[in-house]
Every structure is written in C-alpha cells, then in structure tokens.
C-alpha cells in the first residue's frame, strides 16, 4: 500500500480516540478524515489539540 493515504473516521473525542491518535501520528500514510463527538464543546476542545488532524 505504498504511496496511498488511509483515511480514518473516529467516533468520539475522548481518551480512547486521543490514545489512538497518539499512536497513529507515528505511522505515516494516514489521515483522520472525520471525528464525531456528541458534544460540541468536546469537539471544539479536541480540534484545538489536534488541528491539523492529518497524521
């Protein structure tokens, strides 16, 4: 799969997603294409920590 970007969708903006993004940021060729959160406040906080989300 050389040269291709894997687009990842994440559900939630809490601890588990944070943990997974910490791991994925060290792996080349992926991009968090979508992150969903039920709470707008959590989504805002998450986006401030992970912008840009391209990993």
Protein backbone atom coordinates (compact mmCIF):
# COMPACT_ATOMS: atom_id res chain seq x y z
CA UNK A 1 0.00 0.00 0.00
CA UNK A 2 2.93 2.29 -0.64
CA UNK A 3 2.07 5.87 -1.56
CA UNK A 4 -1.59 5.68 -0.59
CA UNK A 5 -3.22 7.56 2.26
CA UNK A 6 -5.56 5.66 4.55
CA UNK A 7 -8.41 7.90 5.70
CA UNK A 8 -9.67 7.12 9.19
CA UNK A 9 -13.01 8.06 10.78
CA UNK A 10 -13.10 8.29 14.57
CA UNK A 11 -16.15 8.21 16.84
CA UNK A 12 -15.80 10.24 20.00
CA UNK A 13 -13.35 12.83 21.23
CA UNK A 14 -12.29 11.27 24.49
CA UNK A 15 -9.46 9.23 25.96
CA UNK A 16 -9.62 6.25 23.58
CA UNK A 17 -9.52 8.44 20.45
CA UNK A 18 -6.71 10.53 21.94
CA UNK A 19 -4.75 7.35 22.64
CA UNK A 20 -5.28 6.03 19.11
CA UNK A 21 -4.21 9.33 17.53
CA UNK A 22 -1.08 9.39 19.67
CA UNK A 23 -0.16 6.01 18.18
CA UNK A 24 -1.22 6.86 14.61
CA UNK A 25 0.77 10.10 14.48
CA UNK A 26 3.95 7.99 14.34
CA UNK A 27 2.66 5.94 11.39
CA UNK A 28 2.97 7.59 8.00
CA UNK A 29 0.30 7.46 5.33
CA UNK A 30 -2.86 8.01 7.35
CA UNK A 31 -5.26 10.87 7.85
CA UNK A 32 -8.04 11.38 10.37
CA UNK A 33 -10.72 12.35 7.88
CA UNK A 34 -13.63 12.60 10.31
CA UNK A 35 -14.03 12.89 14.04
CA UNK A 36 -17.51 12.80 15.57
CA UNK A 37 -18.48 13.91 19.06
CA UNK A 38 -21.95 14.20 20.61
CA UNK A 39 -20.86 17.32 22.45
CA UNK A 40 -19.88 20.47 20.56
CA UNK A 41 -17.68 21.53 23.50
CA UNK A 42 -15.74 18.24 23.36
CA UNK A 43 -15.40 18.54 19.60
CA UNK A 44 -14.02 22.08 19.93
CA UNK A 45 -11.51 21.06 22.60
CA UNK A 46 -10.46 18.08 20.52
CA UNK A 47 -9.97 20.17 17.36
CA UNK A 48 -7.82 22.68 19.23
CA UNK A 49 -5.49 19.87 20.34
CA UNK A 50 -5.33 18.02 17.01
CA UNK A 51 -5.53 20.68 14.31
CA UNK A 52 -4.47 19.91 11.69
CA UNK A 53 -5.67 16.33 12.06
CA UNK A 54 -3.59 14.99 9.16
CA UNK A 55 -1.25 12.46 10.77
